[in-house]
C-alpha atoms as a PDB file:
ATOM      1  CA  UNK A   1      14.914  37.104 -33.808  1.00  0.00           C
ATOM      2  CA  UNK A   2      14.078  34.990 -30.832  1.00  0.00           C
ATOM      3  CA  UNK A   3      17.228  36.029 -29.111  1.00  0.00           C
ATOM      4  CA  UNK A   4      16.574  39.619 -29.672  1.00  0.00           C
ATOM      5  CA  UNK A   5      12.883  39.304 -28.190  1.00  0.00           C
ATOM      6  CA  UNK A   6      14.473  37.565 -25.024  1.00  0.00           C
ATOM      7  CA  UNK A   7      16.781  40.528 -24.786  1.00  0.00           C
ATOM      8  CA  UNK A   8      13.946  43.173 -24.666  1.00  0.00           C
ATOM      9  CA  UNK A   9      11.248  41.157 -22.998  1.00  0.00           C
ATOM     10  CA  UNK A  10      11.787  39.954 -19.531  1.00  0.00           C
ATOM     11  CA  UNK A  11      11.186  36.417 -18.832  1.00  0.00           C
ATOM     12  CA  UNK A  12       8.534  35.453 -16.425  1.00  0.00           C
ATOM     13  CA  UNK A  13      10.500  34.577 -13.373  1.00  0.00           C
ATOM     14  CA  UNK A  14       7.381  33.973 -11.169  1.00  0.00           C
ATOM     15  CA  UNK A  15       7.070  30.553 -12.414  1.00  0.00           C
ATOM     16  CA  UNK A  16       9.950  29.454 -10.239  1.00  0.00           C
ATOM     17  CA  UNK A  17       8.166  30.837  -7.051  1.00  0.00           C
ATOM     18  CA  UNK A  18       4.892  29.144  -8.387  1.00  0.00           C
ATOM     19  CA  UNK A  19       6.588  25.863  -8.603  1.00  0.00           C
ATOM     20  CA  UNK A  20       8.222  26.194  -5.248  1.00  0.00           C
ATOM     21  CA  UNK A  21       4.910  27.109  -3.690  1.00  0.00           C
ATOM     22  CA  UNK A  22       3.214  23.914  -5.424  1.00  0.00           C
ATOM     23  CA  UNK A  23       6.143  21.685  -4.108  1.00  0.00           C
ATOM     24  CA  UNK A  24       5.879  23.185  -0.593  1.00  0.00           C
ATOM     25  CA  UNK A  25       2.171  22.222  -0.398  1.00  0.00           C
ATOM     26  CA  UNK A  26       3.236  18.632  -1.472  1.00  0.00           C
ATOM     27  CA  UNK A  27       5.762  18.622   1.250  1.00  0.00           C
ATOM     28  CA  UNK A  28       3.284  19.897   4.017  1.00  0.00           C
ATOM     29  CA  UNK A  29       0.790  16.918   2.647  1.00  0.00           C
ATOM     30  CA  UNK A  30       3.564  14.335   2.909  1.00  0.00           C
ATOM     31  CA  UNK A  31       4.530  15.555   6.587  1.00  0.00           C
ATOM     32  CA  UNK A  32       0.839  15.045   7.414  1.00  0.00           C
ATOM     33  CA  UNK A  33       0.680  11.789   5.839  1.00  0.00           C
ATOM     34  CA  UNK A  34       3.802  10.451   7.439  1.00  0.00           C
ATOM     35  CA  UNK A  35       2.606  11.744  10.846  1.00  0.00           C
ATOM     36  CA  UNK A  36      -0.769   9.963  10.182  1.00  0.00           C
ATOM     37  CA  UNK A  37       0.956   6.708   9.389  1.00  0.00           C
ATOM     38  CA  UNK A  38       3.467   6.766  12.326  1.00  0.00           C
ATOM     39  CA  UNK A  39       0.663   7.424  14.826  1.00  0.00           C
ATOM     40  CA  UNK A  40      -2.110   5.543  13.071  1.00  0.00           C
ATOM     41  CA  UNK A  41      -2.483   2.645  15.462  1.00  0.00           C
ATOM     42  CA  UNK A  42      -2.755   4.891  18.358  1.00  0.00           C
ATOM     43  CA  UNK A  43      -5.282   7.388  16.938  1.00  0.00           C
ATOM     44  CA  UNK A  44      -9.032   7.018  17.423  1.00  0.00           C
ATOM     45  CA  UNK A  45     -11.475   7.139  14.409  1.00  0.00           C
ATOM     46  CA  UNK A  46     -12.213  10.822  14.867  1.00  0.00           C
ATOM     47  CA  UNK A  47      -8.480  11.691  14.935  1.00  0.00           C
ATOM     48  CA  UNK A  48      -7.743   9.646  11.670  1.00  0.00           C
ATOM     49  CA  UNK A  49     -10.500  11.479  10.017  1.00  0.00           C
ATOM     50  CA  UNK A  50      -9.442  14.914  10.914  1.00  0.00           C
ATOM     51  CA  UNK A  51      -5.852  14.231   9.708  1.00  0.00           C
ATOM     52  CA  UNK A  52      -6.935  12.744   6.388  1.00  0.00           C
ATOM     53  CA  UNK A  53      -9.081  15.884   5.814  1.00  0.00           C
ATOM     54  CA  UNK A  54      -6.027  17.922   6.295  1.00  0.00           C
ATOM     55  CA  UNK A  55      -4.236  15.947   3.610  1.00  0.00           C
ATOM     56  CA  UNK A  56      -7.337  16.325   1.229  1.00  0.00           C
ATOM     57  CA  UNK A  57      -7.478  20.190   2.007  1.00  0.00           C
ATOM     58  CA  UNK A  58      -3.862  20.443   0.876  1.00  0.00           C
ATOM     59  CA  UNK A  59      -4.458  18.320  -2.149  1.00  0.00           C
ATOM     60  CA  UNK A  60      -7.232  20.884  -3.159  1.00  0.00           C
ATOM     61  CA  UNK A  61      -4.800  23.761  -2.641  1.00  0.00           C
ATOM     62  CA  UNK A  62      -2.228  21.982  -4.819  1.00  0.00           C
ATOM     63  CA  UNK A  63      -4.927  21.670  -7.667  1.00  0.00           C
ATOM     64  CA  UNK A  64      -5.529  25.525  -7.570  1.00  0.00           C
ATOM     65  CA  UNK A  65      -1.768  26.020  -7.577  1.00  0.00           C
ATOM     66  CA  UNK A  66      -1.503  23.721 -10.674  1.00  0.00           C
ATOM     67  CA  UNK A  67      -4.261  25.425 -12.519  1.00  0.00           C
ATOM     68  CA  UNK A  68      -2.777  28.818 -11.680  1.00  0.00           C
ATOM     69  CA  UNK A  69       0.588  27.730 -13.392  1.00  0.00           C
ATOM     70  CA  UNK A  70      -1.051  26.358 -16.357  1.00  0.00           C
ATOM     71  CA  UNK A  71      -3.264  29.596 -16.667  1.00  0.00           C
ATOM     72  CA  UNK A  72      -0.264  31.735 -16.557  1.00  0.00           C
ATOM     73  CA  UNK A  73       1.549  29.526 -19.155  1.00  0.00           C
ATOM     74  CA  UNK A  74      -1.348  30.582 -21.627  1.00  0.00           C
ATOM     75  CA  UNK A  75      -0.592  34.307 -20.999  1.00  0.00           C
ATOM     76  CA  UNK A  76       3.137  34.392 -20.762  1.00  0.00           C
ATOM     77  CA  UNK A  77       5.261  35.325 -23.657  1.00  0.00           C
ATOM     78  CA  UNK A  78       8.805  34.279 -22.423  1.00  0.00           C
ATOM     79  CA  UNK A  79       9.246  31.756 -19.840  1.00  0.00           C
ATOM     80  CA  UNK A  80      12.552  31.130 -17.935  1.00  0.00           C
ATOM     81  CA  UNK A  81      12.641  27.460 -19.040  1.00  0.00           C
ATOM     82  CA  UNK A  82      10.700  25.578 -21.885  1.00  0.00           C
ATOM     83  CA  UNK A  83       6.905  26.036 -21.164  1.00  0.00           C
ATOM     84  CA  UNK A  84       6.390  22.115 -21.642  1.00  0.00           C
ATOM     85  CA  UNK A  85       8.852  21.433 -18.955  1.00  0.00           C
ATOM     86  CA  UNK A  86       7.126  23.782 -16.586  1.00  0.00           C
ATOM     87  CA  UNK A  87       3.837  22.170 -17.450  1.00  0.00           C
ATOM     88  CA  UNK A  88       5.074  18.787 -17.058  1.00  0.00           C
ATOM     89  CA  UNK A  89       6.762  19.600 -13.686  1.00  0.00           C
ATOM     90  CA  UNK A  90       3.615  21.248 -12.459  1.00  0.00           C
ATOM     91  CA  UNK A  91       1.757  18.059 -13.456  1.00  0.00           C
ATOM     92  CA  UNK A  92       4.165  15.827 -11.669  1.00  0.00           C
ATOM     93  CA  UNK A  93       3.850  17.817  -8.617  1.00  0.00           C
ATOM     94  CA  UNK A  94       0.214  17.628  -8.722  1.00  0.00           C
ATOM     95  CA  UNK A  95       0.370  13.885  -9.147  1.00  0.00           C
ATOM     96  CA  UNK A  96       2.756  13.554  -6.214  1.00  0.00           C
ATOM     97  CA  UNK A  97       0.064  15.028  -3.770  1.00  0.00           C
ATOM     98  CA  UNK A  98      -2.633  13.121  -5.413  1.00  0.00           C
ATOM     99  CA  UNK A  99      -1.001   9.697  -4.411  1.00  0.00           C
ATOM    100  CA  UNK A 100      -0.830  11.026  -0.851  1.00  0.00           C
ATOM    101  CA  UNK A 101      -4.410  11.959  -0.837  1.00  0.00           C
ATOM    102  CA  UNK A 102      -5.458   8.679  -2.558  1.00  0.00           C
ATOM    103  CA  UNK A 103      -3.385   6.788   0.101  1.00  0.00           C
ATOM    104  CA  UNK A 104      -4.867   8.678   3.001  1.00  0.00           C
ATOM    105  CA  UNK A 105      -8.499   8.159   1.772  1.00  0.00           C
ATOM    106  CA  UNK A 106      -7.794   4.420   1.207  1.00  0.00           C
ATOM    107  CA  UNK A 107      -6.903   3.989   4.921  1.00  0.00           C
ATOM    108  CA  UNK A 108     -10.314   5.170   5.731  1.00  0.00           C
ATOM    109  CA  UNK A 109     -12.267   3.451   2.899  1.00  0.00           C
ATOM    110  CA  UNK A 110     -10.687   0.118   3.587  1.00  0.00           C
ATOM    111  CA  UNK A 111     -11.534   0.328   7.095  1.00  0.00           C
ATOM    112  CA  UNK A 112      -7.907  -0.224   8.259  1.00  0.00           C
ATOM    113  CA  UNK A 113      -7.644  -0.563  11.876  1.00  0.00           C
ATOM    114  CA  UNK A 114      -3.836  -1.244  12.163  1.00  0.00           C
ATOM    115  CA  UNK A 115      -0.967  -0.655   9.758  1.00  0.00           C
ATOM    116  CA  UNK A 116       2.266  -2.898   9.715  1.00  0.00           C
ATOM    117  CA  UNK A 117       5.650  -1.413  10.510  1.00  0.00           C
ATOM    118  CA  UNK A 118       6.768  -2.271   6.988  1.00  0.00           C
ATOM    119  CA  UNK A 119       4.062  -0.065   5.657  1.00  0.00           C
ATOM    120  CA  UNK A 120       5.266   2.865   8.135  1.00  0.00           C
ATOM    121  CA  UNK A 121       8.841   2.332   6.787  1.00  0.00           C
ATOM    122  CA  UNK A 122       7.774   2.701   2.936  1.00  0.00           C
ATOM    123  CA  UNK A 123       5.948   5.890   3.824  1.00  0.00           C
ATOM    124  CA  UNK A 124       8.960   7.062   5.725  1.00  0.00           C
ATOM    125  CA  UNK A 125      11.131   6.620   2.843  1.00  0.00           C
ATOM    126  CA  UNK A 126       8.619   8.372   0.382  1.00  0.00           C
ATOM    127  CA  UNK A 127       8.384  11.244   2.771  1.00  0.00           C
ATOM    128  CA  UNK A 128      12.223  11.601   2.668  1.00  0.00           C
ATOM    129  CA  UNK A 129      12.037  11.425  -1.159  1.00  0.00           C
ATOM    130  CA  UNK A 130       9.544  14.146  -1.284  1.00  0.00           C
ATOM    131  CA  UNK A 131      11.881  16.369   0.808  1.00  0.00           C
ATOM    132  CA  UNK A 132      14.500  15.828  -1.759  1.00  0.00           C
ATOM    133  CA  UNK A 133      12.249  16.505  -4.528  1.00  0.00           C
ATOM    134  CA  UNK A 134      11.192  19.988  -3.026  1.00  0.00           C
ATOM    135  CA  UNK A 135      14.743  20.842  -2.447  1.00  0.00           C
ATOM    136  CA  UNK A 136      15.702  20.175  -6.115  1.00  0.00           C
ATOM    137  CA  UNK A 137      12.710  22.321  -7.136  1.00  0.00           C
ATOM    138  CA  UNK A 138      13.771  25.222  -4.592  1.00  0.00           C
ATOM    139  CA  UNK A 139      17.246  25.230  -6.411  1.00  0.00           C
ATOM    140  CA  UNK A 140      15.911  25.409  -9.898  1.00  0.00           C
ATOM    141  CA  UNK A 141      16.129  28.963 -10.452  1.00  0.00           C
ATOM    142  CA  UNK A 142      19.938  29.196 -10.085  1.00  0.00           C
ATOM    143  CA  UNK A 143      20.410  25.448 -11.203  1.00  0.00           C
ATOM    144  CA  UNK A 144      23.114  24.932  -8.400  1.00  0.00           C
ATOM    145  CA  UNK A 145      23.425  22.492  -5.698  1.00  0.00           C
ATOM    146  CA  UNK A 146      20.673  20.255  -7.444  1.00  0.00           C
ATOM    147  CA  UNK A 147      22.786  17.249  -8.038  1.00  0.00           C
ATOM    148  CA  UNK A 148      23.160  15.851  -4.706  1.00  0.00           C
ATOM    149  CA  UNK A 149      19.314  16.111  -4.264  1.00  0.00           C
ATOM    150  CA  UNK A 150      18.792  14.225  -7.460  1.00  0.00           C
ATOM    151  CA  UNK A 151      21.386  11.567  -6.360  1.00  0.00           C
ATOM    152  CA  UNK A 152      19.628  11.233  -3.019  1.00  0.00           C
ATOM    153  CA  UNK A 153      15.998  10.949  -4.866  1.00  0.00           C
ATOM    154  CA  UNK A 154      17.447   7.972  -6.890  1.00  0.00           C
ATOM    155  CA  UNK A 155      18.966   6.234  -3.898  1.00  0.00           C
ATOM    156  CA  UNK A 156      15.772   6.730  -1.847  1.00  0.00           C
ATOM    157  CA  UNK A 157      13.702   5.314  -4.883  1.00  0.00           C
ATOM    158  CA  UNK A 158      15.695   2.279  -4.883  1.00  0.00           C
ATOM    159  CA  UNK A 159      15.362   1.760  -1.206  1.00  0.00           C
ATOM    160  CA  UNK A 160      11.542   2.148  -1.629  1.00  0.00           C
ATOM    161  CA  UNK A 161      11.582  -0.187  -4.487  1.00  0.00           C
ATOM    162  CA  UNK A 162      13.645  -2.792  -2.601  1.00  0.00           C
ATOM    163  CA  UNK A 163      11.321  -2.527   0.460  1.00  0.00           C
ATOM    164  CA  UNK A 164       8.221  -2.783  -1.625  1.00  0.00           C
ATOM    165  CA  UNK A 165       9.324  -5.946  -3.208  1.00  0.00           C
ATOM    166  CA  UNK A 166      10.224  -7.474   0.171  1.00  0.00           C
ATOM    167  CA  UNK A 167       6.973  -6.308   1.646  1.00  0.00           C
ATOM    168  CA  UNK A 168       4.836  -7.770  -1.020  1.00  0.00           C
ATOM    169  CA  UNK A 169       6.714 -11.140  -0.963  1.00  0.00           C
ATOM    170  CA  UNK A 170       6.075 -11.448   2.706  1.00  0.00           C
ATOM    171  CA  UNK A 171       2.385 -10.523   2.178  1.00  0.00           C
ATOM    172  CA  UNK A 172       1.827 -13.342  -0.258  1.00  0.00           C
ATOM    173  CA  UNK A 173       3.751 -15.875   1.577  1.00  0.00           C
ATOM    174  CA  UNK A 174       2.623 -15.165   5.166  1.00  0.00           C
ATOM    175  CA  UNK A 175      -0.673 -13.342   4.662  1.00  0.00           C
ATOM    176  CA  UNK A 176      -3.715 -15.344   6.168  1.00  0.00           C
ATOM    177  CA  UNK A 177      -6.571 -13.261   5.147  1.00  0.00           C
ATOM    178  CA  UNK A 178      -7.156 -12.754   1.486  1.00  0.00           C
ATOM    179  CA  UNK A 179      -8.841  -9.432   1.984  1.00  0.00           C
ATOM    180  CA  UNK A 180      -6.190  -8.030   4.094  1.00  0.00           C
ATOM    181  CA  UNK A 181      -3.528  -9.047   1.613  1.00  0.00           C
ATOM    182  CA  UNK A 182      -5.485  -7.197  -1.200  1.00  0.00           C
ATOM    183  CA  UNK A 183      -5.834  -4.099   0.923  1.00  0.00           C
ATOM    184  CA  UNK A 184      -2.100  -3.995   2.126  1.00  0.00           C
ATOM    185  CA  UNK A 185      -0.916  -4.667  -1.420  1.00  0.00           C
ATOM    186  CA  UNK A 186      -2.814  -1.442  -2.658  1.00  0.00           C
ATOM    187  CA  UNK A 187      -1.487   0.643   0.032  1.00  0.00           C
ATOM    188  CA  UNK A 188       1.904  -0.401  -0.375  1.00  0.00           C
ATOM    189  CA  UNK A 189       1.598   0.260  -4.159  1.00  0.00           C
ATOM    190  CA  UNK A 190       0.374   3.802  -3.245  1.00  0.00           C
ATOM    191  CA  UNK A 191       3.224   4.494  -1.014  1.00  0.00           C
ATOM    192  CA  UNK A 192       5.923   3.214  -3.411  1.00  0.00           C
ATOM    193  CA  UNK A 193       4.126   5.479  -6.230  1.00  0.00           C
ATOM    194  CA  UNK A 194       4.822   8.632  -4.082  1.00  0.00           C
ATOM    195  CA  UNK A 195       8.760   7.619  -4.547  1.00  0.00           C
ATOM    196  CA  UNK A 196       8.339   6.727  -8.172  1.00  0.00           C
ATOM    197  CA  UNK A 197       6.849  10.173  -8.706  1.00  0.00           C
ATOM    198  CA  UNK A 198       9.802  11.769  -7.097  1.00  0.00           C
ATOM    199  CA  UNK A 199      12.316  10.033  -9.331  1.00  0.00           C
ATOM    200  CA  UNK A 200      10.320  11.229 -12.408  1.00  0.00           C
ATOM    201  CA  UNK A 201      10.391  14.775 -10.840  1.00  0.00           C
ATOM    202  CA  UNK A 202      14.208  14.303 -10.566  1.00  0.00           C
ATOM    203  CA  UNK A 203      14.763  13.080 -14.062  1.00  0.00           C
ATOM    204  CA  UNK A 204      12.782  15.848 -15.441  1.00  0.00           C
ATOM    205  CA  UNK A 205      14.721  18.571 -13.345  1.00  0.00           C
ATOM    206  CA  UNK A 206      18.096  16.853 -14.373  1.00  0.00           C
ATOM    207  CA  UNK A 207      16.987  17.304 -18.143  1.00  0.00           C
ATOM    208  CA  UNK A 208      16.103  20.916 -17.692  1.00  0.00           C
ATOM    209  CA  UNK A 209      19.575  21.560 -15.989  1.00  0.00           C
ATOM    210  CA  UNK A 210      21.193  19.902 -19.118  1.00  0.00           C
ATOM    211  CA  UNK A 211      19.161  22.054 -21.477  1.00  0.00           C
ATOM    212  CA  UNK A 212      20.065  25.265 -19.832  1.00  0.00           C
ATOM    213  CA  UNK A 213      23.756  24.296 -18.854  1.00  0.00           C
END
């Protein structure tokens, strides 16, 4: 009966476009975050605040996109992939940009005047990871050319994990100001969380592809 219904009732293909739109917003946000961090030590307080606001505006936009996907799930009869997978992917992409927004806000709230190169490097890896995550989401409709992006996500997440471990070790061995150690540890954890999220996105997409192979 279910197969018969799928034959007569078209699937809601718009979910692919909605997920791609949500992922694109996250990609825009990570570009803004990466630019902020790269130029952070040269920016004045007003410029930093403006860029942080841009990231937060994109986070709000992604929230609306997430709610739209979930609302559409409630009113759709046939979905192109399992509805629980759509829901989980939308939530992961929402979490992805939440990590970016949280990180940007902490730079301001912690009154961070200067960021170390290691932190910039970690955010750079996370930015590359989000790009690969976006490419994987973009190819989800036809489910082709996804594997190279999933492999790259895995490699970048491992690279981020290694750099994070080295950064924390250096922080505890050479940090002189306990307050600065606490601040930087928190910032490093948030930056790595972005890469970890991309790995979760990759694992979920890999599962979706296996289901529908």
